[in-house]
N, C-alpha and C. Protein backbone atom coordinates (compact mmCIF):
# COMPACT_ATOMS: atom_id res chain seq x y z
N MET A 1 0.82 -1.17 0.00
CA MET A 1 0.00 0.00 0.00
C MET A 1 0.87 1.24 0.00
N GLU A 2 0.39 2.28 -0.59
CA GLU A 2 1.11 3.53 -0.60
C GLU A 2 0.84 4.28 0.69
N SER A 3 1.89 4.82 1.28
CA SER A 3 1.72 5.60 2.48
C SER A 3 2.93 6.47 2.70
N ASN A 4 2.70 7.70 3.10
CA ASN A 4 3.81 8.57 3.44
C ASN A 4 4.08 8.53 4.94
N LEU A 5 3.33 7.72 5.69
CA LEU A 5 3.55 7.54 7.11
C LEU A 5 4.48 6.36 7.33
N GLU A 6 5.36 6.52 8.30
CA GLU A 6 6.33 5.46 8.57
C GLU A 6 5.81 4.51 9.63
N THR A 7 5.78 3.22 9.31
CA THR A 7 5.37 2.20 10.27
C THR A 7 6.63 1.65 10.93
N LYS A 8 6.62 1.60 12.26
CA LYS A 8 7.77 1.11 13.01
C LYS A 8 7.48 -0.29 13.52
N ARG A 9 8.48 -1.15 13.40
CA ARG A 9 8.38 -2.54 13.86
C ARG A 9 9.14 -2.65 15.16
N LEU A 10 8.47 -3.11 16.21
CA LEU A 10 9.09 -3.27 17.52
C LEU A 10 9.01 -4.73 17.92
N LYS A 11 10.05 -5.21 18.60
CA LYS A 11 10.09 -6.59 19.06
C LYS A 11 10.40 -6.60 20.54
N SER A 12 9.55 -7.28 21.33
CA SER A 12 9.75 -7.33 22.78
C SER A 12 10.72 -8.45 23.15
N SER A 13 11.06 -8.52 24.43
CA SER A 13 12.01 -9.54 24.88
C SER A 13 11.48 -10.96 24.74
N ASP A 14 10.15 -11.14 24.74
CA ASP A 14 9.58 -12.49 24.58
C ASP A 14 9.40 -12.86 23.10
N GLY A 15 9.76 -11.95 22.19
CA GLY A 15 9.69 -12.25 20.77
C GLY A 15 8.44 -11.71 20.08
N THR A 16 7.51 -11.11 20.85
CA THR A 16 6.30 -10.55 20.26
C THR A 16 6.66 -9.38 19.34
N ILE A 17 6.08 -9.36 18.15
CA ILE A 17 6.34 -8.30 17.18
C ILE A 17 5.10 -7.41 17.10
N ALA A 18 5.31 -6.09 17.15
CA ALA A 18 4.22 -5.13 17.06
C ALA A 18 4.59 -4.05 16.05
N TYR A 19 3.61 -3.61 15.27
CA TYR A 19 3.80 -2.55 14.29
C TYR A 19 3.02 -1.32 14.73
N TYR A 20 3.68 -0.14 14.72
CA TYR A 20 3.07 1.11 15.16
C TYR A 20 3.22 2.18 14.09
N CYS A 21 2.21 3.05 14.03
CA CYS A 21 2.26 4.23 13.18
C CYS A 21 1.60 5.36 13.95
N LEU A 22 2.29 6.46 14.14
CA LEU A 22 1.79 7.61 14.91
C LEU A 22 1.34 7.21 16.31
N GLY A 23 2.06 6.26 16.91
CA GLY A 23 1.77 5.84 18.28
C GLY A 23 0.60 4.90 18.43
N LYS A 24 0.03 4.42 17.33
CA LYS A 24 -1.11 3.49 17.38
C LYS A 24 -0.74 2.22 16.65
N MET A 25 -1.32 1.11 17.10
CA MET A 25 -1.09 -0.16 16.42
C MET A 25 -1.67 -0.05 15.01
N HIS A 26 -0.86 -0.40 14.00
CA HIS A 26 -1.31 -0.24 12.62
C HIS A 26 -0.39 -1.02 11.69
N ASN A 27 -0.98 -1.74 10.73
CA ASN A 27 -0.19 -2.42 9.71
C ASN A 27 -1.08 -2.79 8.54
N TRP A 28 -0.79 -2.24 7.34
CA TRP A 28 -1.55 -2.58 6.12
C TRP A 28 -1.08 -3.90 5.53
N GLU A 29 0.12 -4.34 5.88
CA GLU A 29 0.72 -5.51 5.24
C GLU A 29 0.34 -6.84 5.89
N GLY A 30 -0.13 -6.80 7.12
CA GLY A 30 -0.47 -8.03 7.83
C GLY A 30 -0.87 -7.71 9.26
N PRO A 31 -0.81 -8.71 10.15
CA PRO A 31 -1.20 -8.45 11.53
C PRO A 31 -0.28 -7.43 12.19
N ALA A 32 -0.85 -6.58 13.05
CA ALA A 32 -0.07 -5.56 13.73
C ALA A 32 0.54 -6.09 15.02
N LEU A 33 -0.02 -7.16 15.56
CA LEU A 33 0.51 -7.77 16.77
C LEU A 33 0.67 -9.27 16.53
N ILE A 34 1.91 -9.74 16.62
CA ILE A 34 2.20 -11.14 16.37
C ILE A 34 2.84 -11.71 17.62
N PRO A 35 2.04 -12.34 18.50
CA PRO A 35 2.59 -12.88 19.74
C PRO A 35 3.47 -14.10 19.49
N GLN A 36 4.51 -14.23 20.29
CA GLN A 36 5.41 -15.37 20.20
C GLN A 36 5.43 -16.08 21.55
N GLY A 37 5.60 -17.37 21.55
CA GLY A 37 5.78 -18.11 22.79
C GLY A 37 4.50 -18.50 23.50
N ASN A 38 3.34 -18.09 23.02
CA ASN A 38 2.09 -18.54 23.61
C ASN A 38 1.11 -18.86 22.49
N LYS A 39 -0.07 -19.27 22.83
CA LYS A 39 -1.02 -19.75 21.82
C LYS A 39 -1.99 -18.68 21.33
N ARG A 40 -1.79 -17.40 21.71
CA ARG A 40 -2.68 -16.34 21.23
C ARG A 40 -2.49 -16.15 19.73
N LYS A 41 -3.58 -15.78 19.06
CA LYS A 41 -3.52 -15.55 17.62
C LYS A 41 -3.06 -14.13 17.34
N ALA A 42 -2.59 -13.91 16.14
CA ALA A 42 -2.20 -12.57 15.70
C ALA A 42 -3.42 -11.67 15.72
N GLU A 43 -3.19 -10.37 15.98
CA GLU A 43 -4.26 -9.40 16.05
C GLU A 43 -4.08 -8.36 14.95
N TYR A 44 -5.18 -7.94 14.36
CA TYR A 44 -5.15 -7.00 13.24
C TYR A 44 -5.65 -5.64 13.70
N TYR A 45 -4.85 -4.59 13.45
CA TYR A 45 -5.20 -3.23 13.83
C TYR A 45 -5.00 -2.29 12.65
N LEU A 46 -5.87 -1.29 12.54
CA LEU A 46 -5.69 -0.18 11.62
C LEU A 46 -5.91 1.10 12.42
N PHE A 47 -4.89 1.92 12.51
CA PHE A 47 -4.94 3.19 13.23
C PHE A 47 -5.45 3.01 14.66
N GLY A 48 -5.01 1.94 15.32
CA GLY A 48 -5.34 1.70 16.72
C GLY A 48 -6.66 0.99 16.95
N ILE A 49 -7.42 0.69 15.90
CA ILE A 49 -8.71 0.02 16.05
C ILE A 49 -8.53 -1.46 15.70
N LYS A 50 -8.92 -2.32 16.64
CA LYS A 50 -8.76 -3.76 16.44
C LYS A 50 -9.85 -4.29 15.51
N HIS A 51 -9.45 -5.15 14.56
CA HIS A 51 -10.37 -5.76 13.61
C HIS A 51 -10.15 -7.26 13.58
N THR A 52 -11.18 -7.99 13.13
CA THR A 52 -10.97 -9.40 12.85
C THR A 52 -10.21 -9.47 11.53
N LYS A 53 -9.70 -10.63 11.19
CA LYS A 53 -8.96 -10.77 9.94
C LYS A 53 -9.85 -10.45 8.74
N ILE A 54 -11.11 -10.87 8.78
CA ILE A 54 -12.03 -10.62 7.67
C ILE A 54 -12.31 -9.12 7.53
N GLN A 55 -12.56 -8.43 8.67
CA GLN A 55 -12.79 -6.99 8.63
C GLN A 55 -11.56 -6.26 8.09
N TRP A 56 -10.38 -6.68 8.55
CA TRP A 56 -9.13 -6.05 8.12
C TRP A 56 -8.95 -6.21 6.61
N GLU A 57 -9.24 -7.41 6.08
CA GLU A 57 -9.11 -7.64 4.64
C GLU A 57 -10.08 -6.76 3.85
N GLU A 58 -11.31 -6.58 4.35
CA GLU A 58 -12.29 -5.72 3.68
C GLU A 58 -11.83 -4.26 3.68
N LYS A 59 -11.33 -3.78 4.81
CA LYS A 59 -10.84 -2.40 4.89
C LYS A 59 -9.65 -2.20 3.96
N LYS A 60 -8.79 -3.19 3.87
CA LYS A 60 -7.61 -3.10 3.01
C LYS A 60 -8.02 -3.00 1.54
N LYS A 61 -9.09 -3.70 1.15
CA LYS A 61 -9.57 -3.64 -0.23
C LYS A 61 -10.14 -2.27 -0.58
N ASP A 62 -10.70 -1.57 0.41
CA ASP A 62 -11.36 -0.29 0.18
C ASP A 62 -10.41 0.90 0.06
N VAL A 63 -9.12 0.70 0.22
CA VAL A 63 -8.17 1.82 0.18
C VAL A 63 -7.86 2.19 -1.27
N HIS A 64 -8.21 3.41 -1.63
CA HIS A 64 -7.97 3.88 -2.99
C HIS A 64 -7.07 5.10 -3.04
N GLY A 65 -6.63 5.60 -1.90
CA GLY A 65 -5.84 6.82 -1.90
C GLY A 65 -6.73 8.04 -1.97
N GLN A 66 -6.15 9.17 -2.36
CA GLN A 66 -6.91 10.40 -2.44
C GLN A 66 -7.78 10.43 -3.68
N PRO A 67 -8.93 11.10 -3.60
CA PRO A 67 -9.74 11.27 -4.80
C PRO A 67 -9.03 12.16 -5.80
N TRP A 68 -9.38 12.05 -7.07
CA TRP A 68 -8.68 12.78 -8.14
C TRP A 68 -8.72 14.28 -7.91
N TYR A 69 -9.79 14.79 -7.30
CA TYR A 69 -9.90 16.24 -7.15
C TYR A 69 -9.04 16.79 -6.01
N LYS A 70 -8.38 15.93 -5.23
CA LYS A 70 -7.49 16.39 -4.18
C LYS A 70 -6.02 16.22 -4.55
N THR A 71 -5.74 15.77 -5.74
CA THR A 71 -4.36 15.59 -6.17
C THR A 71 -3.93 16.75 -7.04
N SER A 72 -2.64 16.93 -7.22
CA SER A 72 -2.15 18.00 -8.07
C SER A 72 -2.52 17.77 -9.53
N ALA A 73 -2.64 16.52 -9.95
CA ALA A 73 -3.04 16.23 -11.33
C ALA A 73 -4.48 16.69 -11.56
N GLY A 74 -5.34 16.55 -10.56
CA GLY A 74 -6.73 16.98 -10.69
C GLY A 74 -6.83 18.49 -10.88
N LYS A 75 -6.00 19.24 -10.19
CA LYS A 75 -5.99 20.71 -10.31
C LYS A 75 -5.43 21.12 -11.66
N ALA A 76 -4.40 20.43 -12.11
CA ALA A 76 -3.76 20.78 -13.37
C ALA A 76 -4.68 20.49 -14.58
N SER A 77 -5.55 19.52 -14.43
CA SER A 77 -6.41 19.16 -15.54
C SER A 77 -7.70 19.98 -15.58
N GLY A 78 -7.83 20.97 -14.71
CA GLY A 78 -9.00 21.85 -14.73
C GLY A 78 -10.18 21.30 -13.98
N ALA A 79 -9.95 20.79 -12.80
CA ALA A 79 -11.06 20.26 -12.00
C ALA A 79 -12.06 21.37 -11.69
N ARG A 80 -13.33 21.03 -11.75
CA ARG A 80 -14.38 22.00 -11.47
C ARG A 80 -14.47 22.28 -9.98
N MET A 81 -14.88 23.47 -9.67
CA MET A 81 -15.06 23.86 -8.26
C MET A 81 -16.49 23.69 -7.85
């Protein structure tokens, strides 16, 4: 996915991997929390909101970026006001 926000990957001493963006759990590429060493399942977050895997996949499909009228190409091509 395209993003100008930087996602940081953190790993705890027990091996759990967490992805953060702007201080909130977030990952477009996969689960944002991947526990290690226990039987908990991976957790999916977008901008700090927890989702099931199915919800996360649906939200990921809906990402289209900015609408044409908010881009510089839209202004250059004579977008109507």
